[in-house]
Every structure is written in C-alpha cells, then in structure tokens.
C-alpha cells in the first residue's frame, strides 16, 4: 500500500494490484482499500489476472495475460465500461486483443527487468512501434522502464508506461513518480 499511496501522491493515474501470495479474502480486502485510495486521487485501480476480485472489490478493471480468462469473456463479465488490459508480445496479438474488446495493450519486457523473473529477454524499443502500428488501442510499455529510458519508450510509440522498481526502489517514491510523469510529458512534446 505504501508504494501505491506514494505513486498516487506523485501523480500516477492508474495503479495495478499485482499480488499472488494472498488468500482470496485478503486480496479482496486489499483491492477494496486500494480502490478507495485510487478514487481519492482521481485514479483508476486495475487488478492483475483476477476478474472475480476486480468485480467484488469494485475495481475499474483487470489486466489479463495470455493464460488468463479470454478478453471477450472478461468484457462480458465486467461490462462495457470496464478497463480491460491485455499483455501482448507482437502486432498480431495486439490486433486480436483489440478485436476481442481490450481497452489497452501492454508490450514488453522492453528492457531487462528483475521485477518479473518470467518476463523473458528484453524486446527493445522497435517492438513498441510495431505494436502501435497494429492497433488503435493505447500501448503501454512494460519491463525495465526507468527515468533514464522512459523517454525512449514514449518516443518509440508507447502511450504510457508501467513501472515497479523505478518507483518502489526510489528513496522518495512520490518524487520518482512525479519525475517519470515529467519525462513522459517532455518525450510526448518532442515526439509531436
């Protein structure tokens, strides 16, 4: 909760609950608390993988991987207004996710990361652009994003980024979030 609280103070517009080692009841309780915190800051809460927890806690949406419930089934369960994100690895998967009703796609790991051991090898900046050209959906770059490379990810075609270490490992997590936002805005201005 401390990371989410600090990220929201720093200007994060969306937070994701990504917790795999809690009981369903504890996960639901945490989701409820995070939903309230996000709403206090005018932000959205997305629950990773768990449609049931997202629905029960009143979250804004869910993020799905390739082994999770299909996107179109999630859309039917959660409704037209829910935010449904999908992890994709290539342009064809982005096209399919859009056709099934995703709200956004994430692509990565763009850079090497230690936050997610199963992320595989870094795909690099060029894959962001290829995915961006394949879909009208917002494209979120994930994996190894830091203040040093966030601008490159945005200029490479990402509409936004998802981070863990860049905020969670910072001495001042709110300031780190604020700096990432500043760098994203700067990169967008340069890309226009």
N, C-alpha and C. Protein backbone atom coordinates (compact mmCIF):
# COMPACT_ATOMS: atom_id res chain seq x y z
N UNK A 1 0.82 -1.20 0.00
CA UNK A 1 0.00 0.00 0.00
C UNK A 1 0.86 1.25 0.00
N UNK A 2 2.03 1.18 0.62
CA UNK A 2 2.88 2.37 0.69
C UNK A 2 3.32 2.82 -0.70
N UNK A 3 3.64 1.86 -1.57
CA UNK A 3 4.06 2.20 -2.92
C UNK A 3 2.90 2.83 -3.68
N UNK A 4 1.72 2.24 -3.59
CA UNK A 4 0.54 2.79 -4.27
C UNK A 4 0.24 4.19 -3.76
N UNK A 5 0.27 4.37 -2.47
CA UNK A 5 -0.01 5.68 -1.87
C UNK A 5 0.97 6.73 -2.38
N UNK A 6 2.26 6.40 -2.38
CA UNK A 6 3.27 7.34 -2.84
C UNK A 6 3.14 7.62 -4.34
N UNK A 7 2.89 6.57 -5.13
CA UNK A 7 2.74 6.76 -6.57
C UNK A 7 1.56 7.68 -6.88
N UNK A 8 0.48 7.50 -6.17
CA UNK A 8 -0.69 8.36 -6.38
C UNK A 8 -0.39 9.80 -5.96
N UNK A 9 0.32 9.97 -4.87
CA UNK A 9 0.73 11.33 -4.46
C UNK A 9 1.61 11.97 -5.52
N UNK A 10 2.40 11.16 -6.20
CA UNK A 10 3.28 11.65 -7.24
C UNK A 10 2.61 11.87 -8.58
N UNK A 11 1.33 11.52 -8.68
CA UNK A 11 0.58 11.79 -9.90
C UNK A 11 0.24 10.60 -10.77
N UNK A 12 0.45 9.38 -10.28
CA UNK A 12 0.05 8.21 -11.07
C UNK A 12 -1.45 8.27 -11.34
N UNK A 13 -1.86 7.93 -12.55
CA UNK A 13 -3.27 7.97 -12.93
C UNK A 13 -3.92 6.60 -12.86
N UNK A 14 -3.10 5.57 -12.75
CA UNK A 14 -3.61 4.21 -12.68
C UNK A 14 -2.64 3.38 -11.86
N UNK A 15 -3.18 2.55 -10.98
CA UNK A 15 -2.36 1.62 -10.23
C UNK A 15 -2.89 0.21 -10.45
N UNK A 16 -1.99 -0.74 -10.35
CA UNK A 16 -2.39 -2.13 -10.56
C UNK A 16 -2.08 -2.94 -9.32
N UNK A 17 -3.06 -3.70 -8.88
CA UNK A 17 -2.87 -4.65 -7.77
C UNK A 17 -2.37 -5.95 -8.38
N UNK A 18 -1.13 -6.26 -8.07
CA UNK A 18 -0.48 -7.46 -8.63
C UNK A 18 0.08 -8.25 -7.46
N UNK A 19 -0.74 -9.08 -6.87
CA UNK A 19 -0.37 -9.83 -5.67
C UNK A 19 -0.79 -11.27 -5.85
N UNK A 20 0.15 -12.18 -5.73
CA UNK A 20 -0.17 -13.59 -6.00
C UNK A 20 -0.11 -14.47 -4.76
N UNK A 21 0.35 -13.93 -3.65
CA UNK A 21 0.59 -14.78 -2.47
C UNK A 21 -0.35 -14.49 -1.31
N UNK A 22 -1.58 -14.06 -1.60
CA UNK A 22 -2.54 -13.80 -0.53
C UNK A 22 -3.78 -14.66 -0.73
N UNK A 23 -4.48 -14.88 0.35
CA UNK A 23 -5.75 -15.58 0.25
C UNK A 23 -6.72 -14.70 -0.55
N UNK A 24 -7.76 -15.30 -1.09
CA UNK A 24 -8.75 -14.53 -1.84
C UNK A 24 -9.36 -13.42 -0.98
N UNK A 25 -9.65 -13.74 0.27
CA UNK A 25 -10.26 -12.74 1.15
C UNK A 25 -9.32 -11.58 1.41
N UNK A 26 -8.05 -11.87 1.67
CA UNK A 26 -7.07 -10.80 1.91
C UNK A 26 -6.85 -9.98 0.64
N UNK A 27 -6.83 -10.65 -0.49
CA UNK A 27 -6.66 -9.95 -1.76
C UNK A 27 -7.84 -9.03 -2.02
N UNK A 28 -9.04 -9.51 -1.77
CA UNK A 28 -10.24 -8.68 -1.93
C UNK A 28 -10.17 -7.47 -1.02
N UNK A 29 -9.80 -7.67 0.25
CA UNK A 29 -9.71 -6.55 1.19
C UNK A 29 -8.69 -5.52 0.73
N UNK A 30 -7.56 -5.98 0.26
CA UNK A 30 -6.53 -5.06 -0.25
C UNK A 30 -7.05 -4.30 -1.47
N UNK A 31 -7.76 -4.99 -2.35
CA UNK A 31 -8.32 -4.34 -3.53
C UNK A 31 -9.32 -3.26 -3.14
N UNK A 32 -10.15 -3.52 -2.15
CA UNK A 32 -11.11 -2.51 -1.68
C UNK A 32 -10.37 -1.28 -1.15
N UNK A 33 -9.35 -1.51 -0.36
CA UNK A 33 -8.58 -0.40 0.19
C UNK A 33 -7.87 0.38 -0.92
N UNK A 34 -7.31 -0.32 -1.88
CA UNK A 34 -6.63 0.36 -2.98
C UNK A 34 -7.61 1.10 -3.88
N UNK A 35 -8.80 0.54 -4.06
CA UNK A 35 -9.83 1.22 -4.86
C UNK A 35 -10.19 2.56 -4.22
N UNK A 36 -10.37 2.56 -2.91
CA UNK A 36 -10.70 3.81 -2.21
C UNK A 36 -9.56 4.82 -2.33
N UNK A 37 -8.36 4.35 -2.16
CA UNK A 37 -7.18 5.21 -2.27
C UNK A 37 -7.08 5.79 -3.68
N UNK A 38 -7.27 4.97 -4.68
CA UNK A 38 -7.21 5.45 -6.07
C UNK A 38 -8.28 6.50 -6.31
N UNK A 39 -9.47 6.26 -5.84
CA UNK A 39 -10.57 7.22 -6.06
C UNK A 39 -10.31 8.55 -5.37
N UNK A 40 -9.69 8.51 -4.20
CA UNK A 40 -9.33 9.76 -3.50
C UNK A 40 -8.41 10.62 -4.35
N UNK A 41 -7.65 9.99 -5.22
CA UNK A 41 -6.69 10.70 -6.06
C UNK A 41 -7.16 10.83 -7.51
N UNK A 42 -8.40 10.46 -7.78
CA UNK A 42 -8.93 10.55 -9.14
C UNK A 42 -8.26 9.60 -10.11
N UNK A 43 -7.78 8.48 -9.60
CA UNK A 43 -7.07 7.50 -10.42
C UNK A 43 -7.89 6.21 -10.52
N UNK A 44 -7.42 5.30 -11.35
CA UNK A 44 -8.09 4.02 -11.56
C UNK A 44 -7.30 2.89 -10.90
N UNK A 45 -8.03 1.86 -10.49
CA UNK A 45 -7.42 0.63 -9.98
C UNK A 45 -7.70 -0.51 -10.94
N UNK A 46 -6.63 -1.19 -11.33
CA UNK A 46 -6.71 -2.38 -12.17
C UNK A 46 -6.20 -3.55 -11.34
N UNK A 47 -6.89 -4.67 -11.39
CA UNK A 47 -6.46 -5.88 -10.68
C UNK A 47 -5.83 -6.83 -11.70
N UNK A 48 -4.67 -7.32 -11.38
CA UNK A 48 -3.97 -8.23 -12.28
C UNK A 48 -4.60 -9.63 -12.23
N UNK A 49 -4.95 -10.16 -13.38
CA UNK A 49 -5.41 -11.54 -13.57
C UNK A 49 -6.79 -11.89 -13.03
N UNK A 50 -7.22 -11.29 -11.96
CA UNK A 50 -8.38 -11.79 -11.19
C UNK A 50 -9.66 -10.99 -11.43
N UNK A 51 -10.46 -11.44 -12.39
CA UNK A 51 -11.74 -10.80 -12.68
C UNK A 51 -12.65 -10.85 -11.46
N UNK A 52 -12.66 -11.98 -10.76
CA UNK A 52 -13.54 -12.12 -9.60
C UNK A 52 -13.23 -11.08 -8.52
N UNK A 53 -11.96 -10.87 -8.25
CA UNK A 53 -11.56 -9.90 -7.23
C UNK A 53 -11.86 -8.48 -7.72
N UNK A 54 -11.58 -8.22 -8.99
CA UNK A 54 -11.87 -6.89 -9.55
C UNK A 54 -13.35 -6.56 -9.43
N UNK A 55 -14.21 -7.50 -9.78
CA UNK A 55 -15.65 -7.28 -9.68
C UNK A 55 -16.10 -7.13 -8.23
N UNK A 56 -15.65 -8.02 -7.38
CA UNK A 56 -16.09 -8.00 -5.97
C UNK A 56 -15.64 -6.73 -5.26
N UNK A 57 -14.49 -6.20 -5.64
CA UNK A 57 -13.96 -5.01 -4.97
C UNK A 57 -14.40 -3.71 -5.64
N UNK A 58 -15.06 -3.81 -6.78
CA UNK A 58 -15.48 -2.59 -7.49
C UNK A 58 -14.32 -1.87 -8.15
N UNK A 59 -13.31 -2.62 -8.58
CA UNK A 59 -12.16 -2.03 -9.27
C UNK A 59 -12.61 -1.51 -10.64
N UNK A 60 -11.77 -0.68 -11.23
CA UNK A 60 -12.09 -0.10 -12.54
C UNK A 60 -11.85 -1.08 -13.67
N UNK A 61 -11.04 -2.11 -13.40
CA UNK A 61 -10.78 -3.05 -14.46
C UNK A 61 -9.82 -4.14 -14.06
N UNK A 62 -9.36 -4.86 -15.07
CA UNK A 62 -8.50 -6.03 -14.88
C UNK A 62 -7.45 -6.04 -15.98
N UNK A 63 -6.30 -6.59 -15.66
CA UNK A 63 -5.26 -6.79 -16.68
C UNK A 63 -5.06 -8.29 -16.85
N UNK A 64 -5.08 -8.74 -18.11
CA UNK A 64 -5.04 -10.17 -18.40
C UNK A 64 -3.80 -10.55 -19.20
N UNK A 65 -3.24 -11.68 -18.84
CA UNK A 65 -2.14 -12.26 -19.61
C UNK A 65 -2.66 -13.30 -20.56
N UNK A 66 -1.77 -13.90 -21.32
CA UNK A 66 -2.19 -14.87 -22.35
C UNK A 66 -2.79 -16.14 -21.77
N UNK A 67 -2.50 -16.47 -20.52
CA UNK A 67 -3.04 -17.68 -19.91
C UNK A 67 -4.27 -17.42 -19.05
N UNK A 68 -4.74 -16.19 -19.01
CA UNK A 68 -5.89 -15.82 -18.19
C UNK A 68 -7.19 -16.01 -18.96
N UNK A 69 -8.29 -15.65 -18.34
CA UNK A 69 -9.61 -15.70 -18.97
C UNK A 69 -9.54 -14.89 -20.27
N UNK A 70 -10.16 -15.35 -21.35
CA UNK A 70 -10.13 -14.60 -22.60
C UNK A 70 -10.72 -13.19 -22.44
N UNK A 71 -10.19 -12.27 -23.21
CA UNK A 71 -10.60 -10.87 -23.13
C UNK A 71 -12.10 -10.71 -23.37
N UNK A 72 -12.64 -11.36 -24.37
CA UNK A 72 -14.06 -11.19 -24.66
C UNK A 72 -14.94 -11.72 -23.53
N UNK A 73 -14.51 -12.77 -22.85
CA UNK A 73 -15.25 -13.27 -21.69
C UNK A 73 -15.17 -12.28 -20.54
N UNK A 74 -14.00 -11.69 -20.35
CA UNK A 74 -13.85 -10.67 -19.31
C UNK A 74 -14.73 -9.47 -19.61
N UNK A 75 -14.79 -9.08 -20.86
CA UNK A 75 -15.63 -7.94 -21.25
C UNK A 75 -17.10 -8.24 -20.94
N UNK A 76 -17.55 -9.45 -21.26
CA UNK A 76 -18.95 -9.81 -20.96
C UNK A 76 -19.21 -9.78 -19.46
N UNK A 77 -18.27 -10.28 -18.68
CA UNK A 77 -18.45 -10.33 -17.23
C UNK A 77 -18.37 -8.96 -16.58
N UNK A 78 -17.48 -8.10 -17.08
CA UNK A 78 -17.22 -6.83 -16.41
C UNK A 78 -18.01 -5.66 -16.98
N UNK A 79 -18.50 -5.81 -18.20
CA UNK A 79 -19.31 -4.75 -18.78
C UNK A 79 -18.53 -3.83 -19.70
N UNK A 80 -19.29 -3.02 -20.41
CA UNK A 80 -18.72 -2.15 -21.45
C UNK A 80 -17.80 -1.07 -20.90
N UNK A 81 -18.03 -0.63 -19.67
CA UNK A 81 -17.25 0.49 -19.13
C UNK A 81 -15.97 0.06 -18.42
N UNK A 82 -15.78 -1.21 -18.21
CA UNK A 82 -14.59 -1.69 -17.50
C UNK A 82 -13.34 -1.49 -18.36
N UNK A 83 -12.24 -1.25 -17.68
CA UNK A 83 -10.94 -1.17 -18.35
C UNK A 83 -10.37 -2.59 -18.38
N UNK A 84 -10.08 -3.08 -19.56
CA UNK A 84 -9.51 -4.41 -19.69
C UNK A 84 -8.22 -4.32 -20.48
N UNK A 85 -7.13 -4.60 -19.78
CA UNK A 85 -5.82 -4.57 -20.41
C UNK A 85 -5.39 -5.96 -20.78
N UNK A 86 -4.52 -6.04 -21.79
CA UNK A 86 -4.03 -7.33 -22.25
C UNK A 86 -2.54 -7.24 -22.52
N UNK A 87 -1.81 -8.22 -22.03
CA UNK A 87 -0.39 -8.34 -22.35
C UNK A 87 -0.25 -8.96 -23.73
N UNK A 88 0.55 -8.33 -24.57
CA UNK A 88 0.78 -8.86 -25.92
C UNK A 88 2.28 -8.90 -26.18
N UNK A 89 2.66 -9.73 -27.12
CA UNK A 89 4.08 -9.86 -27.46
C UNK A 89 4.39 -9.42 -28.87
N UNK A 90 3.36 -9.23 -29.70
CA UNK A 90 3.60 -8.91 -31.10
C UNK A 90 2.40 -8.18 -31.69
N UNK A 91 2.55 -7.62 -32.87
CA UNK A 91 1.44 -6.90 -33.51
C UNK A 91 0.18 -7.75 -33.70
N UNK A 92 0.33 -9.01 -34.08
CA UNK A 92 -0.85 -9.86 -34.31
C UNK A 92 -1.64 -10.04 -33.01
N UNK A 93 -0.96 -10.19 -31.90
CA UNK A 93 -1.66 -10.33 -30.62
C UNK A 93 -2.36 -9.02 -30.24
N UNK A 94 -1.77 -7.89 -30.59
CA UNK A 94 -2.41 -6.60 -30.32
C UNK A 94 -3.69 -6.45 -31.13
N UNK A 95 -3.63 -6.83 -32.39
CA UNK A 95 -4.83 -6.79 -33.24
C UNK A 95 -5.92 -7.69 -32.67
N UNK A 96 -5.54 -8.89 -32.25
CA UNK A 96 -6.52 -9.83 -31.69
C UNK A 96 -7.12 -9.27 -30.41
N UNK A 97 -6.29 -8.68 -29.54
CA UNK A 97 -6.79 -8.12 -28.28
C UNK A 97 -7.79 -7.00 -28.55
N UNK A 98 -7.50 -6.17 -29.53
CA UNK A 98 -8.44 -5.10 -29.89
C UNK A 98 -9.75 -5.68 -30.37
N UNK A 99 -9.69 -6.70 -31.22
CA UNK A 99 -10.89 -7.33 -31.74
C UNK A 99 -11.73 -8.01 -30.68
N UNK A 100 -11.09 -8.43 -29.60
CA UNK A 100 -11.81 -9.11 -28.52
C UNK A 100 -12.35 -8.14 -27.47
N UNK A 101 -12.01 -6.85 -27.58
CA UNK A 101 -12.59 -5.87 -26.67
C UNK A 101 -11.66 -5.32 -25.62
N UNK A 102 -10.35 -5.44 -25.80
CA UNK A 102 -9.41 -4.86 -24.83
C UNK A 102 -9.50 -3.34 -24.88
N UNK A 103 -9.16 -2.72 -23.75
CA UNK A 103 -9.13 -1.26 -23.65
C UNK A 103 -7.73 -0.72 -23.94
N UNK A 104 -6.72 -1.50 -23.64
CA UNK A 104 -5.33 -1.14 -23.91
C UNK A 104 -4.52 -2.42 -23.98
N UNK A 105 -3.31 -2.32 -24.53
CA UNK A 105 -2.39 -3.46 -24.54
C UNK A 105 -1.07 -3.02 -23.91
N UNK A 106 -0.42 -3.97 -23.28
CA UNK A 106 0.93 -3.72 -22.78
C UNK A 106 1.89 -4.64 -23.52
N UNK A 107 3.07 -4.11 -23.76
CA UNK A 107 4.07 -4.87 -24.50
C UNK A 107 5.41 -4.79 -23.77
N UNK A 108 6.08 -5.91 -23.69
CA UNK A 108 7.37 -5.92 -23.01
C UNK A 108 7.78 -7.36 -22.74
N UNK A 109 8.82 -7.49 -22.11
CA UNK A 109 9.63 -6.54 -21.39
C UNK A 109 10.51 -5.78 -22.39
N UNK A 110 10.32 -4.45 -22.40
CA UNK A 110 11.04 -3.61 -23.34
C UNK A 110 12.53 -3.61 -23.01
N UNK A 111 12.85 -3.48 -21.72
CA UNK A 111 14.23 -3.51 -21.26
C UNK A 111 14.37 -4.65 -20.26
N UNK A 112 15.58 -5.02 -19.94
CA UNK A 112 15.81 -6.07 -18.95
C UNK A 112 15.19 -5.66 -17.62
N UNK A 113 14.58 -6.62 -16.94
CA UNK A 113 13.93 -6.33 -15.66
C UNK A 113 14.19 -7.44 -14.66
N UNK A 114 14.23 -7.06 -13.40
CA UNK A 114 14.35 -8.04 -12.32
C UNK A 114 13.05 -8.15 -11.54
N UNK A 115 12.07 -7.29 -11.85
CA UNK A 115 10.81 -7.29 -11.11
C UNK A 115 9.93 -8.48 -11.44
N UNK A 116 10.09 -9.01 -12.62
CA UNK A 116 9.26 -10.14 -13.06
C UNK A 116 10.17 -11.19 -13.67
N UNK A 117 10.56 -12.19 -12.88
CA UNK A 117 11.53 -13.18 -13.33
C UNK A 117 11.16 -13.92 -14.61
N UNK A 118 9.87 -14.08 -14.89
CA UNK A 118 9.45 -14.82 -16.08
C UNK A 118 9.22 -13.92 -17.30
N UNK A 119 9.74 -12.70 -17.27
CA UNK A 119 9.49 -11.74 -18.34
C UNK A 119 10.20 -12.09 -19.65
N UNK A 120 11.21 -12.91 -19.57
CA UNK A 120 11.94 -13.28 -20.80
C UNK A 120 12.94 -12.21 -21.17
N UNK A 121 13.50 -12.36 -22.36
CA UNK A 121 14.51 -11.41 -22.84
C UNK A 121 13.86 -10.10 -23.24
N UNK A 122 14.62 -9.03 -23.09
CA UNK A 122 14.14 -7.70 -23.49
C UNK A 122 13.87 -7.68 -24.99
N UNK A 123 12.77 -7.03 -25.38
CA UNK A 123 12.37 -6.98 -26.79
C UNK A 123 12.86 -5.72 -27.48
N UNK A 124 13.19 -4.67 -26.73
CA UNK A 124 13.67 -3.44 -27.32
C UNK A 124 12.56 -2.50 -27.76
N UNK A 125 12.97 -1.30 -28.10
CA UNK A 125 12.06 -0.22 -28.47
C UNK A 125 11.28 -0.50 -29.75
N UNK A 126 11.90 -1.12 -30.74
CA UNK A 126 11.24 -1.28 -32.04
C UNK A 126 9.93 -2.05 -31.96
N UNK A 127 9.82 -2.97 -31.02
CA UNK A 127 8.58 -3.75 -30.89
C UNK A 127 7.41 -2.87 -30.46
N UNK A 128 7.70 -1.82 -29.67
CA UNK A 128 6.62 -0.90 -29.26
C UNK A 128 5.98 -0.29 -30.50
N UNK A 129 6.81 0.24 -31.39
CA UNK A 129 6.30 0.86 -32.61
C UNK A 129 5.53 -0.10 -33.48
N UNK A 130 6.01 -1.32 -33.60
CA UNK A 130 5.32 -2.32 -34.41
C UNK A 130 3.94 -2.62 -33.84
N UNK A 131 3.85 -2.75 -32.53
CA UNK A 131 2.55 -2.99 -31.88
C UNK A 131 1.65 -1.77 -32.05
N UNK A 132 2.22 -0.58 -31.89
CA UNK A 132 1.43 0.66 -32.02
C UNK A 132 0.81 0.78 -33.40
N UNK A 133 1.54 0.39 -34.43
CA UNK A 133 1.02 0.47 -35.79
C UNK A 133 -0.06 -0.57 -36.07
N UNK A 134 -0.15 -1.59 -35.23
CA UNK A 134 -1.12 -2.67 -35.46
C UNK A 134 -2.47 -2.44 -34.78
N UNK A 135 -2.56 -1.42 -33.91
CA UNK A 135 -3.79 -1.24 -33.13
C UNK A 135 -4.09 0.23 -32.91
N UNK A 136 -5.36 0.50 -32.68
CA UNK A 136 -5.76 1.86 -32.30
C UNK A 136 -5.78 2.02 -30.78
N UNK A 137 -5.56 0.93 -30.07
CA UNK A 137 -5.58 0.96 -28.61
C UNK A 137 -4.33 1.66 -28.05
N UNK A 138 -4.44 2.22 -26.85
CA UNK A 138 -3.23 2.72 -26.18
C UNK A 138 -2.26 1.56 -25.94
N UNK A 139 -0.98 1.85 -26.13
CA UNK A 139 0.07 0.86 -25.94
C UNK A 139 0.90 1.27 -24.73
N UNK A 140 1.03 0.36 -23.78
CA UNK A 140 1.77 0.62 -22.55
C UNK A 140 3.05 -0.21 -22.58
N UNK A 141 4.19 0.46 -22.43
CA UNK A 141 5.48 -0.23 -22.39
C UNK A 141 5.73 -0.71 -20.96
N UNK A 142 6.18 -1.95 -20.84
CA UNK A 142 6.47 -2.51 -19.52
C UNK A 142 7.86 -3.15 -19.53
N UNK A 143 8.42 -3.28 -18.37
CA UNK A 143 9.66 -4.02 -18.21
C UNK A 143 10.90 -3.16 -18.27
N UNK A 144 11.51 -2.96 -17.11
CA UNK A 144 12.78 -2.25 -17.03
C UNK A 144 12.68 -0.76 -17.29
N UNK A 145 11.49 -0.20 -17.24
CA UNK A 145 11.31 1.23 -17.50
C UNK A 145 11.87 2.02 -16.31
N UNK A 146 12.66 3.04 -16.63
CA UNK A 146 13.28 3.89 -15.60
C UNK A 146 13.28 5.33 -16.08
N UNK A 147 13.73 6.22 -15.24
CA UNK A 147 13.82 7.63 -15.65
C UNK A 147 14.82 7.81 -16.78
N UNK A 148 15.79 6.91 -16.88
CA UNK A 148 16.79 7.00 -17.94
C UNK A 148 16.26 6.59 -19.31
N UNK A 149 15.26 5.72 -19.37
CA UNK A 149 14.82 5.22 -20.67
C UNK A 149 13.34 5.46 -20.97
N UNK A 150 12.61 6.07 -20.07
CA UNK A 150 11.17 6.27 -20.28
C UNK A 150 10.91 7.14 -21.51
N UNK A 151 11.75 8.14 -21.74
CA UNK A 151 11.58 8.99 -22.92
C UNK A 151 11.71 8.20 -24.21
N UNK A 152 12.67 7.29 -24.25
CA UNK A 152 12.86 6.46 -25.44
C UNK A 152 11.64 5.58 -25.69
N UNK A 153 11.03 5.05 -24.62
CA UNK A 153 9.84 4.21 -24.76
C UNK A 153 8.68 5.02 -25.34
N UNK A 154 8.50 6.24 -24.86
CA UNK A 154 7.42 7.09 -25.36
C UNK A 154 7.69 7.48 -26.81
N UNK A 155 8.89 7.91 -27.11
CA UNK A 155 9.24 8.29 -28.49
C UNK A 155 9.16 7.09 -29.42
N UNK A 156 9.33 5.88 -28.87
CA UNK A 156 9.23 4.65 -29.66
C UNK A 156 7.81 4.23 -29.96
N UNK A 157 6.82 4.94 -29.42
CA UNK A 157 5.43 4.65 -29.74
C UNK A 157 4.53 4.35 -28.55
N UNK A 158 5.09 4.22 -27.35
CA UNK A 158 4.26 3.92 -26.17
C UNK A 158 3.40 5.14 -25.81
N UNK A 159 2.18 4.88 -25.44
CA UNK A 159 1.29 5.93 -24.94
C UNK A 159 1.51 6.15 -23.45
N UNK A 160 2.02 5.15 -22.79
CA UNK A 160 2.28 5.23 -21.36
C UNK A 160 3.21 4.11 -20.96
N UNK A 161 3.53 4.06 -19.68
CA UNK A 161 4.43 3.03 -19.18
C UNK A 161 3.89 2.46 -17.88
N UNK A 162 4.32 1.25 -17.57
CA UNK A 162 4.03 0.63 -16.29
C UNK A 162 5.38 0.36 -15.62
N UNK A 163 5.48 0.72 -14.36
CA UNK A 163 6.74 0.57 -13.65
C UNK A 163 6.52 -0.08 -12.30
N UNK A 164 7.55 -0.71 -11.80
CA UNK A 164 7.58 -1.21 -10.43
C UNK A 164 8.82 -0.64 -9.75
N UNK A 165 9.98 -1.14 -10.15
CA UNK A 165 11.23 -0.78 -9.49
C UNK A 165 11.53 0.71 -9.54
N UNK A 166 11.22 1.37 -10.65
CA UNK A 166 11.53 2.79 -10.79
C UNK A 166 10.87 3.63 -9.71
N UNK A 167 9.78 3.14 -9.15
CA UNK A 167 9.12 3.84 -8.04
C UNK A 167 9.40 3.14 -6.72
N UNK A 168 9.18 1.83 -6.68
CA UNK A 168 9.27 1.09 -5.41
C UNK A 168 10.66 1.12 -4.80
N UNK A 169 11.71 1.24 -5.62
CA UNK A 169 13.06 1.23 -5.09
C UNK A 169 13.64 2.63 -4.91
N UNK A 170 12.85 3.66 -5.16
CA UNK A 170 13.31 5.04 -5.03
C UNK A 170 13.28 5.47 -3.57
N UNK A 171 14.19 6.33 -3.20
CA UNK A 171 14.20 6.87 -1.85
C UNK A 171 12.95 7.69 -1.57
N UNK A 172 12.48 8.42 -2.56
CA UNK A 172 11.26 9.22 -2.46
C UNK A 172 10.36 8.76 -3.60
N UNK A 173 9.44 7.85 -3.30
CA UNK A 173 8.62 7.22 -4.33
C UNK A 173 7.69 8.22 -5.01
N UNK A 174 7.14 9.18 -4.27
CA UNK A 174 6.26 10.18 -4.87
C UNK A 174 7.05 11.05 -5.84
N UNK A 175 8.24 11.46 -5.44
CA UNK A 175 9.08 12.29 -6.32
C UNK A 175 9.49 11.50 -7.56
N UNK A 176 9.78 10.22 -7.42
CA UNK A 176 10.16 9.39 -8.56
C UNK A 176 9.00 9.30 -9.55
N UNK A 177 7.78 9.16 -9.04
CA UNK A 177 6.60 9.11 -9.90
C UNK A 177 6.41 10.43 -10.62
N UNK A 178 6.53 11.50 -9.89
CA UNK A 178 6.38 12.84 -10.47
C UNK A 178 7.42 13.08 -11.57
N UNK A 179 8.65 12.64 -11.34
CA UNK A 179 9.70 12.80 -12.34
C UNK A 179 9.41 11.96 -13.58
N UNK A 180 8.91 10.75 -13.41
CA UNK A 180 8.54 9.93 -14.57
C UNK A 180 7.45 10.62 -15.39
N UNK A 181 6.46 11.18 -14.71
CA UNK A 181 5.39 11.92 -15.42
C UNK A 181 5.96 13.09 -16.21
N UNK A 182 6.89 13.82 -15.59
CA UNK A 182 7.50 14.96 -16.26
C UNK A 182 8.25 14.50 -17.52
N UNK A 183 9.00 13.43 -17.38
CA UNK A 183 9.77 12.92 -18.51
C UNK A 183 8.86 12.39 -19.63
N UNK A 184 7.75 11.79 -19.27
CA UNK A 184 6.78 11.32 -20.26
C UNK A 184 6.20 12.51 -21.03
N UNK A 185 5.81 13.55 -20.32
CA UNK A 185 5.26 14.75 -20.98
C UNK A 185 6.29 15.38 -21.90
N UNK A 186 7.52 15.45 -21.44
CA UNK A 186 8.60 16.01 -22.26
C UNK A 186 8.81 15.18 -23.53
N UNK A 187 8.82 13.86 -23.38
CA UNK A 187 9.01 12.99 -24.55
C UNK A 187 7.85 13.12 -25.53
N UNK A 188 6.63 13.27 -25.03
CA UNK A 188 5.48 13.45 -25.91
C UNK A 188 5.58 14.74 -26.70
N UNK A 189 6.01 15.82 -26.04
CA UNK A 189 6.17 17.09 -26.73
C UNK A 189 7.22 16.98 -27.83
N UNK A 190 8.32 16.29 -27.55
CA UNK A 190 9.37 16.13 -28.56
C UNK A 190 8.92 15.26 -29.72
N UNK A 191 8.03 14.31 -29.45
CA UNK A 191 7.57 13.39 -30.49
C UNK A 191 6.56 14.04 -31.44
N UNK A 192 5.95 15.13 -31.01
CA UNK A 192 4.90 15.77 -31.83
C UNK A 192 5.45 16.58 -32.96
